[in-house]
Amino acid sequence: MQSVPPGRSGVLAYTTMLWMVPLSLMIGEPVGWRGVAGALLGLLGIVVLIDPLRFDWSDRAVVEGHAWLLLAGFSWALAVLHARRHRWRMQPLDVLPWQMLVATILLWILALVFEPRGYLDVSQPNLWIALFYIGVFAGPTGTWAAVSVARALPPVTGSLGMLGTPLLGVASSVVLVGEAVTWPLVLGTMLVIAGIAIVIVERAK
């Protein structure tokens, strides 16, 4: 997030449904030609979004930032695949505290390994605002809402509705932090969203 513009970050991290195509093929699930075409269209959108001809390949932080965002989308796809095959015995709200506890422990270990000298400046008000937002809304509440919507609505309705997330991310980035509106950002975002929509509709059949 420190090395990739916010709007682009939101789109790259939301490539989950594109990853579902190769994962489904790996486990033997049928995938129609439209699903494959949608994944390829989304991949083209990622290439346009990154703009490889102007991309600073020498900047390790920027390269790693893009890689981590794509890995986040892939990780979410693994979670979706697990959720579809898992036999649920509890409600989303019942398991939420345990999910957040496990995630907190894992993140603490990762922070200790990768940033052993890191620290939190507790005197900064912005730190507490960020922790409150992530710890209450973006984390637990967002997870509970996403799972509840997925369980309550038809898959295609819920998935297509959540396509507003990357669009809102790009719009917020432009309005709130002044991210430049470039053709790679606009065209790449549209291609990724179109590819995801095709995959969602194909998987709903």
Protein backbone atom coordinates (compact mmCIF):
# COMPACT_ATOMS: atom_id res chain seq x y z
CA MET A 1 0.00 0.00 0.00
CA GLN A 2 2.97 2.35 0.54
CA SER A 3 4.34 1.81 -2.96
CA VAL A 4 1.22 1.40 -5.13
CA PRO A 5 -1.42 4.11 -5.74
CA PRO A 6 -4.62 3.44 -3.74
CA GLY A 7 -6.92 3.13 -6.75
CA ARG A 8 -4.69 0.62 -8.49
CA SER A 9 -4.28 -1.24 -5.18
CA GLY A 10 -8.03 -1.70 -4.85
CA VAL A 11 -8.32 -3.16 -8.35
CA LEU A 12 -5.33 -5.52 -8.07
CA ALA A 13 -6.39 -6.82 -4.67
CA TYR A 14 -9.86 -7.52 -6.04
CA THR A 15 -8.76 -9.97 -8.74
CA THR A 16 -10.13 -12.86 -6.64
CA MET A 17 -12.62 -14.21 -9.19
CA LEU A 18 -9.96 -14.25 -11.89
CA TRP A 19 -7.86 -16.58 -9.72
CA MET A 20 -10.87 -18.86 -9.27
CA VAL A 21 -10.61 -19.99 -12.89
CA PRO A 22 -7.15 -21.65 -12.73
CA LEU A 23 -7.88 -22.93 -9.20
CA SER A 24 -11.10 -24.56 -10.42
CA LEU A 25 -9.26 -26.16 -13.31
CA MET A 26 -6.61 -27.50 -10.90
CA ILE A 27 -9.20 -29.29 -8.74
CA GLY A 28 -11.11 -30.65 -11.72
CA GLU A 29 -14.14 -28.35 -11.68
CA PRO A 30 -15.65 -27.61 -15.10
CA VAL A 31 -14.91 -24.15 -16.47
CA GLY A 32 -16.59 -22.96 -19.66
CA TRP A 33 -14.84 -21.10 -22.43
CA ARG A 34 -16.48 -17.85 -21.30
CA GLY A 35 -14.89 -18.26 -17.88
CA VAL A 36 -11.47 -18.75 -19.46
CA ALA A 37 -12.07 -15.77 -21.76
CA GLY A 38 -13.10 -13.63 -18.78
CA ALA A 39 -9.94 -14.60 -16.89
CA LEU A 40 -7.79 -13.73 -19.92
CA LEU A 41 -9.60 -10.41 -20.32
CA GLY A 42 -8.98 -9.65 -16.66
CA LEU A 43 -5.32 -10.59 -17.08
CA LEU A 44 -5.09 -8.17 -19.99
CA GLY A 45 -6.60 -5.52 -17.73
CA ILE A 46 -3.92 -6.17 -15.10
CA VAL A 47 -1.21 -5.76 -17.75
CA VAL A 48 -2.76 -2.48 -18.95
CA LEU A 49 -3.15 -1.28 -15.37
CA ILE A 50 0.48 -1.99 -14.51
CA ASP A 51 1.61 -0.46 -17.82
CA PRO A 52 4.81 -2.57 -18.12
CA LEU A 53 6.50 -0.27 -20.63
CA ARG A 54 6.47 2.58 -18.11
CA PHE A 55 6.73 0.44 -15.00
CA ASP A 56 9.80 1.00 -12.84
CA TRP A 57 11.09 -2.57 -12.69
CA SER A 58 14.22 -1.40 -10.87
CA ASP A 59 12.21 -0.26 -7.83
CA ARG A 60 11.99 -3.34 -5.62
CA ALA A 61 9.36 -1.80 -3.32
CA VAL A 62 7.02 -1.08 -6.23
CA VAL A 63 7.46 -4.56 -7.73
CA GLU A 64 6.89 -6.25 -4.37
CA GLY A 65 3.88 -4.02 -3.69
CA HIS A 66 2.16 -5.16 -6.89
CA ALA A 67 3.08 -8.80 -6.19
CA TRP A 68 1.65 -8.67 -2.65
CA LEU A 69 -1.62 -7.17 -3.88
CA LEU A 70 -2.06 -9.92 -6.47
CA LEU A 71 -1.18 -12.47 -3.79
CA ALA A 72 -3.91 -10.99 -1.60
CA GLY A 73 -6.45 -11.61 -4.36
CA PHE A 74 -5.14 -15.15 -4.76
CA SER A 75 -5.38 -15.78 -1.00
CA TRP A 76 -8.97 -14.58 -0.98
CA ALA A 77 -9.73 -16.96 -3.87
CA LEU A 78 -8.36 -19.84 -1.77
CA ALA A 79 -10.63 -18.75 1.09
CA VAL A 80 -13.65 -18.63 -1.23
CA LEU A 81 -12.82 -22.09 -2.55
CA HIS A 82 -12.59 -23.41 1.01
CA ALA A 83 -15.84 -21.70 2.03
CA ARG A 84 -17.68 -23.34 -0.87
CA ARG A 85 -16.50 -26.84 0.04
CA HIS A 86 -16.65 -26.54 3.83
CA ARG A 87 -19.62 -27.92 5.77
CA TRP A 88 -20.65 -25.02 7.99
CA ARG A 89 -21.98 -25.76 11.49
CA MET A 90 -21.90 -22.19 12.90
CA GLN A 91 -23.07 -18.76 11.85
CA PRO A 92 -20.53 -16.23 10.47
CA LEU A 93 -20.85 -14.08 13.58
CA ASP A 94 -20.09 -17.06 15.83
CA VAL A 95 -16.74 -17.84 14.20
CA LEU A 96 -15.72 -14.22 13.63
CA PRO A 97 -13.86 -13.73 16.96
CA TRP A 98 -11.77 -16.84 16.33
CA GLN A 99 -11.00 -15.76 12.76
CA MET A 100 -9.85 -12.34 13.93
CA LEU A 101 -7.78 -13.86 16.76
CA VAL A 102 -5.96 -16.24 14.41
CA ALA A 103 -5.40 -13.43 11.89
CA THR A 104 -4.01 -11.16 14.62
CA ILE A 105 -1.53 -13.80 15.76
CA LEU A 106 -0.39 -14.51 12.20
CA LEU A 107 0.04 -10.80 11.44
CA TRP A 108 1.98 -10.31 14.66
CA ILE A 109 4.37 -13.13 13.70
CA LEU A 110 4.81 -11.69 10.19
CA ALA A 111 5.51 -8.23 11.60
CA LEU A 112 8.04 -9.68 14.02
CA VAL A 113 9.83 -11.54 11.22
CA PHE A 114 9.80 -8.88 8.50
CA GLU A 115 9.95 -5.73 10.63
CA PRO A 116 11.71 -6.65 13.88
CA ARG A 117 12.53 -3.00 14.56
CA GLY A 118 9.06 -1.72 13.81
CA TYR A 119 7.05 0.13 16.41
CA LEU A 120 3.76 2.00 16.86
CA ASP A 121 3.84 5.65 17.87
CA VAL A 122 0.93 5.62 20.32
CA SER A 123 1.09 9.40 20.69
CA GLN A 124 -0.27 9.91 17.17
CA PRO A 125 -4.09 10.27 17.01
CA ASN A 126 -4.10 9.04 13.40
CA LEU A 127 -2.74 5.69 14.60
CA TRP A 128 -5.74 5.12 16.86
CA ILE A 129 -8.15 6.21 14.13
CA ALA A 130 -6.55 3.74 11.70
CA LEU A 131 -6.53 0.92 14.26
CA PHE A 132 -10.16 1.56 15.14
CA TYR A 133 -11.19 1.58 11.48
CA ILE A 134 -9.26 -1.60 10.63
CA GLY A 135 -9.99 -3.39 13.90
CA VAL A 136 -13.73 -2.68 13.92
CA PHE A 137 -15.02 -1.84 10.44
CA ALA A 138 -12.62 -3.00 7.72
CA GLY A 139 -11.75 -6.24 9.53
CA PRO A 140 -14.53 -7.89 11.57
CA THR A 141 -17.54 -5.93 10.31
CA GLY A 142 -16.44 -6.10 6.67
CA THR A 143 -15.75 -9.84 6.89
CA TRP A 144 -19.07 -10.56 8.59
CA ALA A 145 -20.99 -8.43 6.06
CA ALA A 146 -19.31 -10.05 3.04
CA VAL A 147 -19.97 -13.58 4.30
CA SER A 148 -23.56 -12.75 5.31
CA VAL A 149 -24.31 -11.22 1.90
CA ALA A 150 -22.81 -14.26 0.17
CA ARG A 151 -25.03 -16.57 2.23
CA ALA A 152 -28.22 -14.48 1.89
CA LEU A 153 -28.15 -13.54 -1.80
CA PRO A 154 -27.79 -15.65 -4.94
CA PRO A 155 -24.07 -16.02 -5.80
CA VAL A 156 -24.25 -14.03 -9.03
CA THR A 157 -26.17 -11.16 -7.36
CA GLY A 158 -23.79 -10.85 -4.43
CA SER A 159 -20.64 -11.19 -6.53
CA LEU A 160 -21.74 -8.70 -9.19
CA GLY A 161 -22.86 -6.27 -6.47
CA MET A 162 -19.43 -6.38 -4.85
CA LEU A 163 -17.85 -5.30 -8.14
CA GLY A 164 -18.63 -1.80 -6.91
CA THR A 165 -15.71 -2.16 -4.47
CA PRO A 166 -12.83 -1.53 -6.93
CA LEU A 167 -14.81 1.24 -8.64
CA LEU A 168 -15.40 2.93 -5.28
CA GLY A 169 -11.73 2.46 -4.47
CA VAL A 170 -10.62 4.21 -7.65
CA ALA A 171 -13.14 7.05 -7.20
CA SER A 172 -12.14 7.53 -3.55
CA SER A 173 -8.47 7.56 -4.49
CA VAL A 174 -9.06 10.27 -7.09
CA VAL A 175 -11.23 12.43 -4.81
CA LEU A 176 -9.51 11.98 -1.45
CA VAL A 177 -5.81 11.64 -2.28
CA GLY A 178 -5.68 13.18 -5.75
CA GLU A 179 -4.57 10.12 -7.71
CA ALA A 180 -4.15 11.04 -11.36
CA VAL A 181 -6.79 9.68 -13.75
CA THR A 182 -4.74 8.05 -16.52
CA TRP A 183 -5.77 5.92 -19.46
CA PRO A 184 -4.02 2.80 -18.06
CA LEU A 185 -5.93 3.24 -14.79
CA VAL A 186 -9.31 3.71 -16.48
CA LEU A 187 -8.92 1.11 -19.24
CA GLY A 188 -7.20 -1.44 -17.00
CA THR A 189 -9.89 -1.10 -14.33
CA MET A 190 -12.68 -1.55 -16.87
CA LEU A 191 -11.03 -4.64 -18.39
CA VAL A 192 -10.47 -6.24 -14.99
CA ILE A 193 -14.05 -5.58 -13.89
CA ALA A 194 -15.42 -6.83 -17.23
CA GLY A 195 -13.34 -9.99 -16.94
CA ILE A 196 -14.51 -10.62 -13.37
CA ALA A 197 -18.14 -10.06 -14.38
CA ILE A 198 -17.85 -12.59 -17.22
CA VAL A 199 -16.31 -15.16 -14.88
CA ILE A 200 -19.06 -14.60 -12.28
CA VAL A 201 -21.87 -14.97 -14.81
CA GLU A 202 -20.23 -18.06 -16.33
CA ARG A 203 -19.81 -19.75 -12.93
CA ALA A 204 -23.43 -19.01 -12.07
CA LYS A 205 -24.72 -21.16 -14.94
